[in-house]
């Protein structure tokens, strides 16, 4: 019985020592090119949202989209992205007829990493640029004012999972000066493909 207790104590010590000397996650270690895919669904309102996050007025609609592209983390807290999004606005929503479209997007984010592998990304103001390739707004461009995602990094930095952590009202401004506000839930899976 004493030997078993002794081995149990030694085992606990080895686990503790291994954990104590495990490498911490850092911004500098998150560096490289990642392929990514994701989805988002947005509640859109032409007049904005109330404090309780419900649309102002009756002019609102939903849209769902998938996106895929390439992200690069520079190891200094900056990430760039180039992606294509395919969006569907379903029928029976007020304010916007049913439609489909595709969009080409480029953007830059800052990112922070905690010691336990959590990551937070925030859009750099003025860096989001999108061009409508197909659909009712073909040829128009638009910008958004903010977007934040949070998630986890795999232990070997080969994959990341990101998603919306809290609802945020985002302002879209189109090249024809139309403005729409949206609240989206977004999720992305990233897989490392290069240095």
Protein backbone atom coordinates (compact mmCIF):
# COMPACT_ATOMS: atom_id res chain seq x y z
CA UNK A 1 0.00 0.00 0.00
CA UNK A 2 2.88 2.37 0.82
CA UNK A 3 4.55 1.64 -2.53
CA UNK A 4 1.35 2.41 -4.40
CA UNK A 5 0.99 5.69 -2.48
CA UNK A 6 4.62 6.55 -3.22
CA UNK A 7 4.17 5.89 -6.97
CA UNK A 8 0.96 7.93 -6.96
CA UNK A 9 2.80 10.87 -5.36
CA UNK A 10 5.69 10.55 -7.84
CA UNK A 11 3.20 10.43 -10.73
CA UNK A 12 1.45 13.59 -9.49
CA UNK A 13 4.82 15.36 -9.17
CA UNK A 14 5.78 14.42 -12.76
CA UNK A 15 2.43 15.68 -14.07
CA UNK A 16 2.83 18.92 -12.10
CA UNK A 17 6.42 19.45 -13.30
CA UNK A 18 5.42 18.72 -16.91
CA UNK A 19 2.58 21.22 -16.69
CA UNK A 20 4.77 23.82 -15.01
CA UNK A 21 7.33 23.65 -17.82
CA UNK A 22 4.84 23.41 -20.71
CA UNK A 23 5.37 26.11 -23.34
CA UNK A 24 3.07 29.11 -23.07
CA UNK A 25 1.25 30.44 -26.11
CA UNK A 26 2.57 33.75 -27.51
CA UNK A 27 1.73 36.29 -30.20
CA UNK A 28 5.22 35.77 -31.68
CA UNK A 29 4.68 32.02 -32.10
CA UNK A 30 1.43 32.54 -34.03
CA UNK A 31 2.97 33.20 -37.42
CA UNK A 32 2.21 31.75 -40.83
CA UNK A 33 -0.41 31.27 -43.52
CA UNK A 34 -3.73 29.56 -42.80
CA UNK A 35 -6.50 28.42 -45.11
CA UNK A 36 -9.89 29.05 -43.57
CA UNK A 37 -13.56 28.42 -44.03
CA UNK A 38 -16.47 29.73 -42.05
CA UNK A 39 -20.06 30.76 -41.90
CA UNK A 40 -22.08 33.68 -40.67
CA UNK A 41 -25.71 34.56 -40.24
CA UNK A 42 -26.68 38.20 -39.79
CA UNK A 43 -29.74 40.10 -38.66
CA UNK A 44 -29.74 43.29 -40.75
CA UNK A 45 -31.62 46.53 -40.05
CA UNK A 46 -31.74 49.71 -42.12
CA UNK A 47 -32.42 51.84 -39.01
CA UNK A 48 -30.10 50.19 -36.49
CA UNK A 49 -30.79 48.35 -33.26
CA UNK A 50 -32.24 49.21 -29.86
CA UNK A 51 -30.25 48.71 -26.64
CA UNK A 52 -31.86 45.27 -26.26
CA UNK A 53 -30.42 44.35 -29.72
CA UNK A 54 -33.81 44.21 -31.47
CA UNK A 55 -34.17 46.01 -34.84
CA UNK A 56 -35.52 49.57 -34.94
CA UNK A 57 -38.64 49.63 -37.14
CA UNK A 58 -39.96 47.01 -39.52
CA UNK A 59 -37.24 47.22 -42.17
CA UNK A 60 -35.03 44.24 -41.28
CA UNK A 61 -33.92 40.99 -42.91
CA UNK A 62 -31.61 38.03 -42.34
CA UNK A 63 -28.81 36.77 -44.53
CA UNK A 64 -26.61 33.70 -44.29
CA UNK A 65 -23.21 33.22 -45.91
CA UNK A 66 -20.19 30.98 -46.14
CA UNK A 67 -16.68 32.22 -46.72
CA UNK A 68 -13.26 30.79 -47.51
CA UNK A 69 -9.84 32.23 -48.06
CA UNK A 70 -6.31 32.74 -46.78
CA UNK A 71 -5.21 34.41 -43.52
CA UNK A 72 -1.67 35.40 -42.58
CA UNK A 73 -0.50 35.99 -39.00
CA UNK A 74 2.72 38.04 -38.87
CA UNK A 75 3.93 37.10 -35.37
CA UNK A 76 3.63 40.76 -34.28
CA UNK A 77 -0.10 40.91 -33.54
CA UNK A 78 -1.41 41.62 -37.05
CA UNK A 79 -3.44 39.34 -39.31
CA UNK A 80 -4.41 39.93 -42.95
CA UNK A 81 -7.18 38.13 -44.80
CA UNK A 82 -8.30 37.68 -48.39
CA UNK A 83 -11.51 35.74 -48.85
CA UNK A 84 -14.63 35.19 -50.90
CA UNK A 85 -18.09 35.07 -49.41
CA UNK A 86 -21.29 33.60 -50.86
CA UNK A 87 -24.46 35.02 -49.32
CA UNK A 88 -28.15 34.09 -49.46
CA UNK A 89 -30.97 36.38 -48.35
CA UNK A 90 -33.93 34.05 -47.88
CA UNK A 91 -37.49 34.92 -48.92
CA UNK A 92 -40.19 36.18 -46.57
CA UNK A 93 -38.07 38.79 -44.82
CA UNK A 94 -39.15 42.41 -44.62
CA UNK A 95 -37.06 45.09 -46.30
CA UNK A 96 -35.11 43.04 -48.80
CA UNK A 97 -36.17 40.67 -51.60
CA UNK A 98 -34.70 37.15 -51.70
CA UNK A 99 -31.35 37.06 -53.47
CA UNK A 100 -27.93 35.48 -53.72
CA UNK A 101 -24.54 37.14 -54.17
CA UNK A 102 -20.79 36.71 -53.87
CA UNK A 103 -18.25 39.15 -52.45
CA UNK A 104 -14.47 39.47 -52.53
CA UNK A 105 -13.05 40.79 -49.22
CA UNK A 106 -9.69 41.95 -47.87
CA UNK A 107 -9.16 43.01 -44.26
CA UNK A 108 -6.62 43.44 -41.48
CA UNK A 109 -7.02 42.61 -37.79
CA UNK A 110 -4.94 42.93 -34.67
CA UNK A 111 -4.67 39.85 -32.49
CA UNK A 112 -3.74 39.02 -28.94
CA UNK A 113 -2.89 35.63 -27.45
CA UNK A 114 -3.14 34.55 -23.81
CA UNK A 115 -0.75 32.09 -22.18
CA UNK A 116 -3.42 29.36 -22.26
CA UNK A 117 -3.93 29.61 -26.05
CA UNK A 118 -6.94 31.90 -26.28
CA UNK A 119 -6.94 34.38 -29.16
CA UNK A 120 -8.90 37.58 -29.75
CA UNK A 121 -8.93 39.40 -33.10
CA UNK A 122 -10.24 42.92 -33.79
CA UNK A 123 -10.73 44.59 -37.15
CA UNK A 124 -8.37 47.51 -37.83
CA UNK A 125 -10.55 50.54 -38.63
CA UNK A 126 -10.57 51.37 -42.35
CA UNK A 127 -8.93 48.10 -43.45
CA UNK A 128 -12.07 46.17 -44.47
CA UNK A 129 -12.74 46.44 -48.21
CA UNK A 130 -15.35 44.38 -50.05
CA UNK A 131 -16.49 44.24 -53.69
CA UNK A 132 -19.79 42.65 -54.73
CA UNK A 133 -19.00 40.23 -57.58
CA UNK A 134 -22.53 38.96 -58.29
CA UNK A 135 -26.10 39.62 -57.20
CA UNK A 136 -28.24 42.77 -56.88
CA UNK A 137 -25.30 45.01 -55.89
CA UNK A 138 -22.78 43.73 -58.50
CA UNK A 139 -19.87 46.17 -58.82
CA UNK A 140 -20.60 48.06 -55.61
CA UNK A 141 -18.11 48.15 -52.78
CA UNK A 142 -18.72 48.32 -49.04
CA UNK A 143 -16.87 48.71 -45.76
CA UNK A 144 -17.66 47.71 -42.20
CA UNK A 145 -16.60 49.56 -39.06
CA UNK A 146 -15.79 46.69 -36.68
CA UNK A 147 -15.67 42.94 -36.12
CA UNK A 148 -14.28 40.93 -33.21
CA UNK A 149 -13.72 37.18 -32.98
CA UNK A 150 -12.33 35.02 -30.19
CA UNK A 151 -11.27 31.40 -29.95
CA UNK A 152 -8.56 28.85 -29.28
CA UNK A 153 -5.24 27.88 -30.85
CA UNK A 154 -4.22 24.22 -31.09
CA UNK A 155 -1.16 23.22 -29.07
CA UNK A 156 0.97 22.89 -32.22
CA UNK A 157 -0.39 26.12 -33.81
CA UNK A 158 -1.62 24.07 -36.79
CA UNK A 159 -5.29 25.00 -36.37
CA UNK A 160 -7.50 27.66 -34.80
CA UNK A 161 -11.21 27.94 -34.09
CA UNK A 162 -12.72 31.45 -33.97
CA UNK A 163 -16.25 32.67 -33.33
CA UNK A 164 -18.30 35.65 -32.23
CA UNK A 165 -18.10 35.98 -28.45
CA UNK A 166 -20.68 38.73 -27.89
CA UNK A 167 -23.21 40.40 -30.20
CA UNK A 168 -21.94 43.64 -31.72
CA UNK A 169 -23.75 46.08 -33.99
CA UNK A 170 -21.70 46.54 -37.17
CA UNK A 171 -22.26 49.37 -39.66
CA UNK A 172 -22.00 48.57 -43.40
CA UNK A 173 -21.54 51.53 -45.76
CA UNK A 174 -21.94 50.88 -49.50
CA UNK A 175 -20.33 52.87 -52.33
CA UNK A 176 -23.76 54.33 -53.22
CA UNK A 177 -24.00 55.59 -49.57
CA UNK A 178 -26.63 53.04 -48.51
CA UNK A 179 -26.10 52.11 -44.86
CA UNK A 180 -27.17 48.89 -43.15
CA UNK A 181 -26.58 47.77 -39.59
CA UNK A 182 -26.10 44.12 -38.70
CA UNK A 183 -25.54 41.75 -35.81
CA UNK A 184 -23.84 38.53 -36.92
CA UNK A 185 -22.72 35.29 -35.43
CA UNK A 186 -19.56 34.20 -37.21
CA UNK A 187 -17.45 31.06 -36.94
CA UNK A 188 -14.18 30.17 -38.68
CA UNK A 189 -11.87 27.16 -38.75
CA UNK A 190 -8.24 27.84 -39.75
CA UNK A 191 -5.68 25.24 -40.83
CA UNK A 192 -2.01 26.10 -41.24
CA UNK A 193 -0.76 25.70 -44.82
CA UNK A 194 2.59 27.53 -44.78
CA UNK A 195 5.12 29.76 -43.06
